[in-house]
């Protein structure tokens, strides 16, 4: 499994987290209990800190990076979709970052919000709680997200990670 220290920057991965053997974790990266990191995802804390809370899914091909001035923090019960790119942003609990979306420096995504697939959320954007962001550049639609659906989706990935932990085998 490609998990790397970089100098004194050492990953911290909870024993109950699932990290797929074909994902890459480098440096100052913290992964909480029951979170899952799927194939091809890259979490790179070489210049800054990356924090993934509990029961959060980082799906296939996602890139999570941080810079010294802006850590990347992803809360509990979040889903980060396939091929998403997050860098130097804060994503609060029960939020969904859609497949192929980009969330940039100093963005704050409040609890229960959704960044739609393919959306680009530009630097210093504030996404209110329960809002939906769609488009390029991202346009905010208040109260158009469903935190309950996000938590249910996150729970499915917790269960899937348990299945992978017990059944995945290379052939």
Protein backbone atom coordinates (compact mmCIF):
# COMPACT_ATOMS: atom_id res chain seq x y z
CA UNK A 1 0.00 0.00 0.00
CA UNK A 2 1.60 3.31 -1.03
CA UNK A 3 1.57 5.27 2.23
CA UNK A 4 4.55 7.57 2.57
CA UNK A 5 6.17 9.81 5.14
CA UNK A 6 7.83 12.89 3.69
CA UNK A 7 10.54 14.06 6.07
CA UNK A 8 8.78 14.64 9.37
CA UNK A 9 5.32 14.67 7.75
CA UNK A 10 3.80 11.28 8.57
CA UNK A 11 0.27 10.10 7.77
CA UNK A 12 -2.09 9.23 10.63
CA UNK A 13 -4.72 6.69 9.61
CA UNK A 14 -7.29 5.38 12.07
CA UNK A 15 -7.23 1.58 12.41
CA UNK A 16 -10.90 1.41 11.35
CA UNK A 17 -10.36 3.37 8.12
CA UNK A 18 -10.20 1.55 4.79
CA UNK A 19 -7.40 2.63 2.45
CA UNK A 20 -7.45 0.80 -0.86
CA UNK A 21 -4.01 -0.57 -1.80
CA UNK A 22 -4.00 1.42 -5.05
CA UNK A 23 -4.60 4.82 -3.47
CA UNK A 24 -1.69 7.05 -2.44
CA UNK A 25 -1.28 8.80 0.91
CA UNK A 26 1.69 11.13 1.36
CA UNK A 27 2.80 13.29 4.27
CA UNK A 28 0.65 15.17 6.77
CA UNK A 29 -2.63 13.37 6.10
CA UNK A 30 -5.09 12.40 8.85
CA UNK A 31 -7.90 9.92 8.14
CA UNK A 32 -10.66 9.27 10.67
CA UNK A 33 -12.49 6.14 11.77
CA UNK A 34 -14.68 4.34 9.24
CA UNK A 35 -13.56 6.60 6.40
CA UNK A 36 -12.66 5.08 3.06
CA UNK A 37 -10.08 5.99 0.43
CA UNK A 38 -10.81 4.30 -2.91
CA UNK A 39 -8.59 3.20 -5.86
CA UNK A 40 -6.57 5.91 -7.54
CA UNK A 41 -7.32 8.56 -4.94
CA UNK A 42 -4.33 10.70 -3.97
CA UNK A 43 -4.15 12.54 -0.65
CA UNK A 44 -1.01 14.64 -0.54
CA UNK A 45 0.04 16.56 2.56
CA UNK A 46 3.49 17.57 1.36
CA UNK A 47 3.20 21.34 1.96
CA UNK A 48 0.10 21.50 4.14
CA UNK A 49 -2.24 19.34 6.17
CA UNK A 50 -5.06 17.17 4.85
CA UNK A 51 -7.71 16.08 7.36
CA UNK A 52 -10.48 13.61 6.54
CA UNK A 53 -13.07 13.14 9.30
CA UNK A 54 -15.00 10.03 10.25
CA UNK A 55 -17.30 8.03 7.94
CA UNK A 56 -16.16 10.04 4.92
CA UNK A 57 -15.65 8.52 1.48
CA UNK A 58 -12.91 9.77 -0.86
CA UNK A 59 -13.80 8.04 -4.12
CA UNK A 60 -11.80 6.75 -7.07
CA UNK A 61 -9.36 9.17 -8.66
CA UNK A 62 -10.03 12.07 -6.30
CA UNK A 63 -7.11 14.42 -5.62
CA UNK A 64 -6.93 16.02 -2.18
CA UNK A 65 -4.03 18.45 -1.71
CA UNK A 66 -3.14 21.27 0.65
CA UNK A 67 -0.71 24.16 0.65
CA UNK A 68 1.10 25.60 3.65
CA UNK A 69 -1.28 28.56 4.00
CA UNK A 70 -4.49 26.55 3.52
CA UNK A 71 -5.07 23.08 4.93
CA UNK A 72 -7.72 20.92 3.32
CA UNK A 73 -10.28 19.79 5.89
CA UNK A 74 -13.14 17.42 5.09
CA UNK A 75 -15.61 16.74 7.90
CA UNK A 76 -17.58 13.73 9.06
CA UNK A 77 -20.17 11.87 6.96
CA UNK A 78 -19.03 13.47 3.70
CA UNK A 79 -18.83 12.02 0.21
CA UNK A 80 -16.15 13.21 -2.21
CA UNK A 81 -17.01 11.92 -5.67
CA UNK A 82 -14.91 10.30 -8.36
CA UNK A 83 -12.21 12.50 -9.90
CA UNK A 84 -12.96 15.49 -7.64
CA UNK A 85 -10.12 17.91 -6.81
CA UNK A 86 -10.04 19.68 -3.46
CA UNK A 87 -7.23 22.01 -2.46
CA UNK A 88 -6.93 24.40 0.48
CA UNK A 89 -10.63 24.31 1.35
CA UNK A 90 -12.89 23.39 4.27
CA UNK A 91 -15.81 21.02 3.73
CA UNK A 92 -18.05 20.76 6.79
CA UNK A 93 -19.93 17.67 7.98
CA UNK A 94 -22.62 15.96 5.89
CA UNK A 95 -21.54 17.56 2.61
CA UNK A 96 -21.18 16.06 -0.84
CA UNK A 97 -18.56 17.06 -3.41
CA UNK A 98 -19.72 15.74 -6.77
CA UNK A 99 -17.74 13.76 -9.30
CA UNK A 100 -15.29 15.79 -11.37
CA UNK A 101 -15.81 18.97 -9.38
CA UNK A 102 -13.06 21.36 -8.32
CA UNK A 103 -13.06 23.14 -4.95
CA UNK A 104 -10.24 25.68 -4.56
CA UNK A 105 -8.35 27.72 -1.96
CA UNK A 106 -10.21 29.29 0.95
CA UNK A 107 -13.57 27.86 -0.10
CA UNK A 108 -15.84 26.97 2.80
CA UNK A 109 -18.61 24.44 2.13
CA UNK A 110 -21.00 24.54 5.09
CA UNK A 111 -22.79 21.49 6.53
CA UNK A 112 -25.27 19.71 4.34
CA UNK A 113 -24.22 21.45 1.12
CA UNK A 114 -23.67 19.78 -2.24
CA UNK A 115 -21.18 20.76 -4.92
CA UNK A 116 -22.65 19.31 -8.09
CA UNK A 117 -20.76 17.09 -10.50
CA UNK A 118 -18.36 19.08 -12.67
CA UNK A 119 -18.83 22.34 -10.77
CA UNK A 120 -15.90 24.68 -10.20
CA UNK A 121 -15.99 26.53 -6.88
CA UNK A 122 -13.57 29.45 -7.12
CA UNK A 123 -11.22 30.76 -4.41
CA UNK A 124 -12.78 32.34 -1.32
CA UNK A 125 -16.34 31.24 -2.12
CA UNK A 126 -18.65 30.60 0.83
CA UNK A 127 -21.24 27.88 0.19
CA UNK A 128 -24.06 28.18 2.75
CA UNK A 129 -25.47 25.22 4.68
CA UNK A 130 -27.82 23.03 2.62
CA UNK A 131 -27.03 24.88 -0.62
CA UNK A 132 -26.30 23.35 -4.01
CA UNK A 133 -23.50 24.64 -6.26
CA UNK A 134 -23.70 23.91 -9.98
CA UNK A 135 -21.88 25.05 -13.09
CA UNK A 136 -18.63 26.69 -14.15
CA UNK A 137 -18.07 28.94 -12.36
CA UNK A 138 -20.24 27.53 -9.60
CA UNK A 139 -23.59 29.19 -8.98
CA UNK A 140 -25.15 28.79 -5.54
CA UNK A 141 -28.75 27.64 -5.15
CA UNK A 142 -29.86 28.06 -1.52
CA UNK A 143 -31.61 25.21 0.30
CA UNK A 144 -31.38 22.83 -2.65
CA UNK A 145 -29.28 20.09 -1.01
CA UNK A 146 -30.40 17.11 1.08
CA UNK A 147 -28.13 16.42 4.07
CA UNK A 148 -30.16 13.31 4.92
CA UNK A 149 -29.39 11.79 1.51
CA UNK A 150 -25.70 12.69 1.90
CA UNK A 151 -25.48 10.93 5.30
CA UNK A 152 -27.27 7.88 3.86
CA UNK A 153 -24.80 7.82 0.95
CA UNK A 154 -21.84 8.14 3.34
CA UNK A 155 -23.22 5.22 5.39
CA UNK A 156 -23.35 3.04 2.26
CA UNK A 157 -19.63 3.64 1.75
CA UNK A 158 -18.88 2.73 5.38
CA UNK A 159 -20.59 -0.61 4.75
CA UNK A 160 -18.86 -1.06 1.39
CA UNK A 161 -15.47 -0.41 3.01
CA UNK A 162 -16.20 -3.12 5.59
CA UNK A 163 -17.04 -5.52 2.76
CA UNK A 164 -13.80 -4.63 0.97
CA UNK A 165 -11.76 -5.03 4.15
CA UNK A 166 -13.07 -8.56 4.64
CA UNK A 167 -13.49 -9.77 1.04
CA UNK A 168 -11.04 -7.98 -1.27
CA UNK A 169 -8.27 -10.20 -2.54
CA UNK A 170 -5.84 -9.92 -5.42
CA UNK A 171 -6.01 -12.74 -7.95
